[in-house]
């Protein structure tokens, strides 16, 4: 009789814990995982056989509110919201740096464009601070910030702002990601144009 009572006392909290665990598992299984996105990158750049210059893309620095997993939308003139169910598949700063590298490699055909330090004595370095990279309530995807060009001794050669936007062709996050990709491509076009026009790099 004593043994039977002891087993029952032990079994009650264990059974309760097991039921609670099963209930939580069932709830968790009904949660829809977030949809994840990557920026479009359809470039297939080729390294120049005999490059006339080298350009290194430094780490892209994001404004704090952009350094998150969710895609950011601006709802009005002051309110920003990070999406919970629509997220970047990879860190946004890495995607921006990679796309910029590939876009510039296509635009600057005689320049060796790489990410990170090249180790070359005469390599130039491009640094970017991104202030805006989000969807906007007026139907545009915007990108803005500042870029710097520095020589191998870290001397500032050029400082400039960038600002680009692209209209969303449809509603929804896929259209937003495509528009953001286009706005970033526009930034690369403007940077490449400035670098060649100012004579820092060959075209």
C-alpha atoms as a PDB file:
ATOM      1  CA  UNK A   1       0.000   0.000   0.000  1.00  0.00           C
ATOM      2  CA  UNK A   2       2.807   2.389   0.899  1.00  0.00           C
ATOM      3  CA  UNK A   3       4.669   1.634  -2.332  1.00  0.00           C
ATOM      4  CA  UNK A   4       1.553   2.199  -4.414  1.00  0.00           C
ATOM      5  CA  UNK A   5       0.972   5.604  -2.811  1.00  0.00           C
ATOM      6  CA  UNK A   6       4.586   6.652  -3.381  1.00  0.00           C
ATOM      7  CA  UNK A   7       4.443   5.740  -7.088  1.00  0.00           C
ATOM      8  CA  UNK A   8       1.218   7.741  -7.511  1.00  0.00           C
ATOM      9  CA  UNK A   9       2.686  10.834  -5.841  1.00  0.00           C
ATOM     10  CA  UNK A  10       5.717  10.677  -8.129  1.00  0.00           C
ATOM     11  CA  UNK A  11       3.690   9.987 -11.249  1.00  0.00           C
ATOM     12  CA  UNK A  12       1.310  12.952 -10.918  1.00  0.00           C
ATOM     13  CA  UNK A  13       3.881  15.781 -11.360  1.00  0.00           C
ATOM     14  CA  UNK A  14       5.740  13.777 -13.996  1.00  0.00           C
ATOM     15  CA  UNK A  15       2.557  13.210 -15.980  1.00  0.00           C
ATOM     16  CA  UNK A  16       1.694  16.908 -15.680  1.00  0.00           C
ATOM     17  CA  UNK A  17       5.136  17.896 -16.959  1.00  0.00           C
ATOM     18  CA  UNK A  18       4.821  15.461 -19.858  1.00  0.00           C
ATOM     19  CA  UNK A  19       1.401  16.828 -20.843  1.00  0.00           C
ATOM     20  CA  UNK A  20       2.680  20.399 -20.640  1.00  0.00           C
ATOM     21  CA  UNK A  21       5.652  19.483 -22.820  1.00  0.00           C
ATOM     22  CA  UNK A  22       3.386  17.882 -25.443  1.00  0.00           C
ATOM     23  CA  UNK A  23       1.104  20.926 -25.421  1.00  0.00           C
ATOM     24  CA  UNK A  24       4.021  23.309 -25.951  1.00  0.00           C
ATOM     25  CA  UNK A  25       5.392  21.119 -28.748  1.00  0.00           C
ATOM     26  CA  UNK A  26       2.025  21.144 -30.493  1.00  0.00           C
ATOM     27  CA  UNK A  27       1.845  24.939 -30.247  1.00  0.00           C
ATOM     28  CA  UNK A  28       5.393  25.310 -31.525  1.00  0.00           C
ATOM     29  CA  UNK A  29       4.711  23.051 -34.517  1.00  0.00           C
ATOM     30  CA  UNK A  30       1.874  25.371 -35.602  1.00  0.00           C
ATOM     31  CA  UNK A  31       4.135  28.451 -35.744  1.00  0.00           C
ATOM     32  CA  UNK A  32       4.927  29.382 -39.351  1.00  0.00           C
ATOM     33  CA  UNK A  33       8.645  30.000 -39.866  1.00  0.00           C
ATOM     34  CA  UNK A  34       9.590  33.404 -41.336  1.00  0.00           C
ATOM     35  CA  UNK A  35      10.093  33.803 -45.065  1.00  0.00           C
ATOM     36  CA  UNK A  36      13.710  34.687 -45.819  1.00  0.00           C
ATOM     37  CA  UNK A  37      15.045  36.744 -48.723  1.00  0.00           C
ATOM     38  CA  UNK A  38      18.319  37.532 -50.464  1.00  0.00           C
ATOM     39  CA  UNK A  39      19.131  40.550 -52.601  1.00  0.00           C
ATOM     40  CA  UNK A  40      19.137  39.905 -56.335  1.00  0.00           C
ATOM     41  CA  UNK A  41      22.607  39.380 -57.756  1.00  0.00           C
ATOM     42  CA  UNK A  42      22.620  38.246 -61.381  1.00  0.00           C
ATOM     43  CA  UNK A  43      26.171  39.388 -62.148  1.00  0.00           C
ATOM     44  CA  UNK A  44      28.869  37.031 -63.367  1.00  0.00           C
ATOM     45  CA  UNK A  45      31.969  39.211 -63.094  1.00  0.00           C
ATOM     46  CA  UNK A  46      35.267  38.012 -64.519  1.00  0.00           C
ATOM     47  CA  UNK A  47      38.607  38.947 -62.992  1.00  0.00           C
ATOM     48  CA  UNK A  48      40.650  41.062 -65.406  1.00  0.00           C
ATOM     49  CA  UNK A  49      43.676  39.292 -66.833  1.00  0.00           C
ATOM     50  CA  UNK A  50      46.018  42.231 -66.243  1.00  0.00           C
ATOM     51  CA  UNK A  51      44.278  44.619 -63.823  1.00  0.00           C
ATOM     52  CA  UNK A  52      45.425  48.225 -63.895  1.00  0.00           C
ATOM     53  CA  UNK A  53      44.262  48.920 -60.324  1.00  0.00           C
ATOM     54  CA  UNK A  54      42.889  47.189 -57.231  1.00  0.00           C
ATOM     55  CA  UNK A  55      39.863  48.161 -55.181  1.00  0.00           C
ATOM     56  CA  UNK A  56      38.970  46.607 -51.847  1.00  0.00           C
ATOM     57  CA  UNK A  57      35.407  46.740 -50.489  1.00  0.00           C
ATOM     58  CA  UNK A  58      35.548  47.241 -46.730  1.00  0.00           C
ATOM     59  CA  UNK A  59      32.862  46.075 -44.307  1.00  0.00           C
ATOM     60  CA  UNK A  60      29.590  47.873 -44.984  1.00  0.00           C
ATOM     61  CA  UNK A  61      28.447  49.579 -41.785  1.00  0.00           C
ATOM     62  CA  UNK A  62      24.711  49.750 -41.173  1.00  0.00           C
ATOM     63  CA  UNK A  63      22.673  52.191 -39.130  1.00  0.00           C
ATOM     64  CA  UNK A  64      21.665  50.397 -35.928  1.00  0.00           C
ATOM     65  CA  UNK A  65      17.986  50.070 -36.871  1.00  0.00           C
ATOM     66  CA  UNK A  66      18.984  48.282 -40.097  1.00  0.00           C
ATOM     67  CA  UNK A  67      21.323  45.806 -38.419  1.00  0.00           C
ATOM     68  CA  UNK A  68      18.479  43.349 -37.745  1.00  0.00           C
ATOM     69  CA  UNK A  69      17.087  40.161 -39.257  1.00  0.00           C
ATOM     70  CA  UNK A  70      13.731  41.583 -40.339  1.00  0.00           C
ATOM     71  CA  UNK A  71      13.242  43.716 -43.435  1.00  0.00           C
ATOM     72  CA  UNK A  72      12.503  47.300 -42.393  1.00  0.00           C
ATOM     73  CA  UNK A  73       9.513  49.334 -43.577  1.00  0.00           C
ATOM     74  CA  UNK A  74       8.934  53.045 -42.997  1.00  0.00           C
ATOM     75  CA  UNK A  75       5.219  53.433 -42.210  1.00  0.00           C
ATOM     76  CA  UNK A  76       5.046  57.238 -42.143  1.00  0.00           C
ATOM     77  CA  UNK A  77       7.361  60.213 -41.683  1.00  0.00           C
ATOM     78  CA  UNK A  78       8.746  58.923 -38.346  1.00  0.00           C
ATOM     79  CA  UNK A  79       7.683  55.308 -37.720  1.00  0.00           C
ATOM     80  CA  UNK A  80       9.927  52.387 -38.722  1.00  0.00           C
ATOM     81  CA  UNK A  81       8.949  48.747 -38.325  1.00  0.00           C
ATOM     82  CA  UNK A  82      10.996  45.553 -38.562  1.00  0.00           C
ATOM     83  CA  UNK A  83       9.083  42.650 -40.129  1.00  0.00           C
ATOM     84  CA  UNK A  84       8.846  39.503 -38.014  1.00  0.00           C
ATOM     85  CA  UNK A  85       7.762  37.115 -40.743  1.00  0.00           C
ATOM     86  CA  UNK A  86       9.924  38.514 -43.572  1.00  0.00           C
ATOM     87  CA  UNK A  87      13.630  38.375 -42.818  1.00  0.00           C
ATOM     88  CA  UNK A  88      17.008  38.498 -44.525  1.00  0.00           C
ATOM     89  CA  UNK A  89      18.483  35.059 -45.209  1.00  0.00           C
ATOM     90  CA  UNK A  90      21.967  36.458 -44.462  1.00  0.00           C
ATOM     91  CA  UNK A  91      23.348  39.503 -42.701  1.00  0.00           C
ATOM     92  CA  UNK A  92      22.366  42.576 -44.716  1.00  0.00           C
ATOM     93  CA  UNK A  93      25.845  44.116 -44.506  1.00  0.00           C
ATOM     94  CA  UNK A  94      27.372  41.005 -46.101  1.00  0.00           C
ATOM     95  CA  UNK A  95      24.845  40.969 -48.919  1.00  0.00           C
ATOM     96  CA  UNK A  96      25.392  44.661 -49.642  1.00  0.00           C
ATOM     97  CA  UNK A  97      29.182  44.270 -49.714  1.00  0.00           C
ATOM     98  CA  UNK A  98      29.009  41.226 -51.997  1.00  0.00           C
ATOM     99  CA  UNK A  99      26.576  42.836 -54.444  1.00  0.00           C
ATOM    100  CA  UNK A 100      28.614  46.034 -54.524  1.00  0.00           C
ATOM    101  CA  UNK A 101      31.777  44.040 -55.221  1.00  0.00           C
ATOM    102  CA  UNK A 102      30.165  42.185 -58.118  1.00  0.00           C
ATOM    103  CA  UNK A 103      28.481  45.282 -59.578  1.00  0.00           C
ATOM    104  CA  UNK A 104      31.712  47.273 -59.500  1.00  0.00           C
ATOM    105  CA  UNK A 105      33.662  44.363 -60.986  1.00  0.00           C
ATOM    106  CA  UNK A 106      31.318  44.440 -63.990  1.00  0.00           C
ATOM    107  CA  UNK A 107      31.397  48.235 -64.311  1.00  0.00           C
ATOM    108  CA  UNK A 108      35.161  48.630 -63.784  1.00  0.00           C
ATOM    109  CA  UNK A 109      36.488  46.050 -66.217  1.00  0.00           C
ATOM    110  CA  UNK A 110      40.186  46.845 -65.733  1.00  0.00           C
ATOM    111  CA  UNK A 111      40.029  46.895 -61.920  1.00  0.00           C
ATOM    112  CA  UNK A 112      40.516  43.960 -59.579  1.00  0.00           C
ATOM    113  CA  UNK A 113      37.611  44.343 -57.109  1.00  0.00           C
ATOM    114  CA  UNK A 114      37.727  42.255 -53.931  1.00  0.00           C
ATOM    115  CA  UNK A 115      36.219  42.150 -50.467  1.00  0.00           C
ATOM    116  CA  UNK A 116      38.566  42.756 -47.550  1.00  0.00           C
ATOM    117  CA  UNK A 117      42.245  43.589 -47.584  1.00  0.00           C
ATOM    118  CA  UNK A 118      44.155  42.778 -50.778  1.00  0.00           C
ATOM    119  CA  UNK A 119      47.627  43.185 -49.338  1.00  0.00           C
ATOM    120  CA  UNK A 120      48.632  45.281 -52.340  1.00  0.00           C
ATOM    121  CA  UNK A 121      50.766  48.383 -51.672  1.00  0.00           C
ATOM    122  CA  UNK A 122      48.718  50.575 -53.999  1.00  0.00           C
ATOM    123  CA  UNK A 123      45.215  49.174 -53.476  1.00  0.00           C
ATOM    124  CA  UNK A 124      42.401  51.622 -52.821  1.00  0.00           C
ATOM    125  CA  UNK A 125      39.719  50.918 -50.211  1.00  0.00           C
ATOM    126  CA  UNK A 126      36.038  51.774 -50.430  1.00  0.00           C
ATOM    127  CA  UNK A 127      34.174  52.261 -47.137  1.00  0.00           C
ATOM    128  CA  UNK A 128      30.404  52.676 -46.865  1.00  0.00           C
ATOM    129  CA  UNK A 129      28.029  53.765 -44.115  1.00  0.00           C
ATOM    130  CA  UNK A 130      24.401  52.941 -44.918  1.00  0.00           C
ATOM    131  CA  UNK A 131      21.839  55.247 -43.296  1.00  0.00           C
ATOM    132  CA  UNK A 132      18.754  54.034 -45.171  1.00  0.00           C
ATOM    133  CA  UNK A 133      17.909  50.724 -46.810  1.00  0.00           C
ATOM    134  CA  UNK A 134      14.213  50.047 -46.458  1.00  0.00           C
ATOM    135  CA  UNK A 135      10.799  50.199 -48.006  1.00  0.00           C
ATOM    136  CA  UNK A 136       8.821  53.405 -47.739  1.00  0.00           C
ATOM    137  CA  UNK A 137       5.115  54.147 -47.383  1.00  0.00           C
ATOM    138  CA  UNK A 138       5.055  56.017 -50.709  1.00  0.00           C
ATOM    139  CA  UNK A 139       5.910  52.868 -52.691  1.00  0.00           C
ATOM    140  CA  UNK A 140       9.668  53.299 -53.027  1.00  0.00           C
ATOM    141  CA  UNK A 141      12.684  51.327 -51.845  1.00  0.00           C
ATOM    142  CA  UNK A 142      15.404  53.729 -50.729  1.00  0.00           C
ATOM    143  CA  UNK A 143      19.137  53.498 -50.113  1.00  0.00           C
ATOM    144  CA  UNK A 144      21.268  56.346 -48.789  1.00  0.00           C
ATOM    145  CA  UNK A 145      24.438  56.962 -46.857  1.00  0.00           C
ATOM    146  CA  UNK A 146      28.055  57.978 -47.285  1.00  0.00           C
ATOM    147  CA  UNK A 147      31.091  56.461 -48.989  1.00  0.00           C
ATOM    148  CA  UNK A 148      34.790  57.127 -48.657  1.00  0.00           C
ATOM    149  CA  UNK A 149      37.733  56.237 -50.871  1.00  0.00           C
ATOM    150  CA  UNK A 150      41.066  55.754 -49.099  1.00  0.00           C
ATOM    151  CA  UNK A 151      44.546  54.897 -50.319  1.00  0.00           C
ATOM    152  CA  UNK A 152      46.835  52.145 -49.014  1.00  0.00           C
ATOM    153  CA  UNK A 153      48.034  54.482 -46.217  1.00  0.00           C
ATOM    154  CA  UNK A 154      44.409  55.102 -45.173  1.00  0.00           C
ATOM    155  CA  UNK A 155      44.529  58.677 -46.444  1.00  0.00           C
ATOM    156  CA  UNK A 156      41.117  60.009 -47.432  1.00  0.00           C
ATOM    157  CA  UNK A 157      40.968  60.625 -51.190  1.00  0.00           C
ATOM    158  CA  UNK A 158      37.268  61.247 -51.689  1.00  0.00           C
ATOM    159  CA  UNK A 159      34.149  61.601 -49.557  1.00  0.00           C
ATOM    160  CA  UNK A 160      30.659  61.602 -51.021  1.00  0.00           C
ATOM    161  CA  UNK A 161      27.006  60.906 -50.268  1.00  0.00           C
ATOM    162  CA  UNK A 162      24.834  58.416 -52.089  1.00  0.00           C
ATOM    163  CA  UNK A 163      21.070  58.378 -52.454  1.00  0.00           C
ATOM    164  CA  UNK A 164      18.994  56.127 -54.679  1.00  0.00           C
ATOM    165  CA  UNK A 165      15.451  54.853 -54.898  1.00  0.00           C
ATOM    166  CA  UNK A 166      13.438  52.402 -56.976  1.00  0.00           C
ATOM    167  CA  UNK A 167       9.671  52.072 -57.286  1.00  0.00           C
ATOM    168  CA  UNK A 168       7.959  48.867 -56.204  1.00  0.00           C
ATOM    169  CA  UNK A 169       6.275  47.205 -59.178  1.00  0.00           C
ATOM    170  CA  UNK A 170       3.856  45.213 -56.993  1.00  0.00           C
ATOM    171  CA  UNK A 171       2.709  44.935 -53.393  1.00  0.00           C
ATOM    172  CA  UNK A 172       4.461  42.587 -50.994  1.00  0.00           C
ATOM    173  CA  UNK A 173       7.928  41.804 -49.708  1.00  0.00           C
ATOM    174  CA  UNK A 174       9.241  40.029 -52.842  1.00  0.00           C
ATOM    175  CA  UNK A 175       8.615  43.228 -54.808  1.00  0.00           C
ATOM    176  CA  UNK A 176      10.254  45.254 -52.034  1.00  0.00           C
ATOM    177  CA  UNK A 177      13.385  43.102 -52.051  1.00  0.00           C
ATOM    178  CA  UNK A 178      13.649  43.403 -55.834  1.00  0.00           C
ATOM    179  CA  UNK A 179      13.273  47.183 -55.616  1.00  0.00           C
ATOM    180  CA  UNK A 180      15.879  47.375 -52.851  1.00  0.00           C
ATOM    181  CA  UNK A 181      18.243  45.340 -55.035  1.00  0.00           C
ATOM    182  CA  UNK A 182      17.722  47.816 -57.876  1.00  0.00           C
ATOM    183  CA  UNK A 183      18.313  50.820 -55.634  1.00  0.00           C
ATOM    184  CA  UNK A 184      21.620  49.295 -54.463  1.00  0.00           C
ATOM    185  CA  UNK A 185      22.606  48.645 -58.070  1.00  0.00           C
ATOM    186  CA  UNK A 186      21.955  52.338 -58.762  1.00  0.00           C
ATOM    187  CA  UNK A 187      24.322  53.202 -55.890  1.00  0.00           C
ATOM    188  CA  UNK A 188      27.047  51.044 -57.469  1.00  0.00           C
ATOM    189  CA  UNK A 189      26.512  52.774 -60.836  1.00  0.00           C
ATOM    190  CA  UNK A 190      26.922  56.221 -59.254  1.00  0.00           C
ATOM    191  CA  UNK A 191      30.043  55.225 -57.302  1.00  0.00           C
ATOM    192  CA  UNK A 192      31.680  53.667 -60.364  1.00  0.00           C
ATOM    193  CA  UNK A 193      30.911  56.763 -62.423  1.00  0.00           C
ATOM    194  CA  UNK A 194      32.476  59.069 -59.810  1.00  0.00           C
ATOM    195  CA  UNK A 195      35.573  56.896 -59.408  1.00  0.00           C
ATOM    196  CA  UNK A 196      36.274  56.962 -63.136  1.00  0.00           C
ATOM    197  CA  UNK A 197      35.306  60.593 -63.776  1.00  0.00           C
ATOM    198  CA  UNK A 198      37.566  61.802 -60.947  1.00  0.00           C
ATOM    199  CA  UNK A 199      40.422  59.691 -62.307  1.00  0.00           C
ATOM    200  CA  UNK A 200      40.862  57.458 -59.271  1.00  0.00           C
ATOM    201  CA  UNK A 201      40.334  54.288 -61.322  1.00  0.00           C
ATOM    202  CA  UNK A 202      40.364  53.324 -65.007  1.00  0.00           C
ATOM    203  CA  UNK A 203      37.011  52.580 -66.593  1.00  0.00           C
END
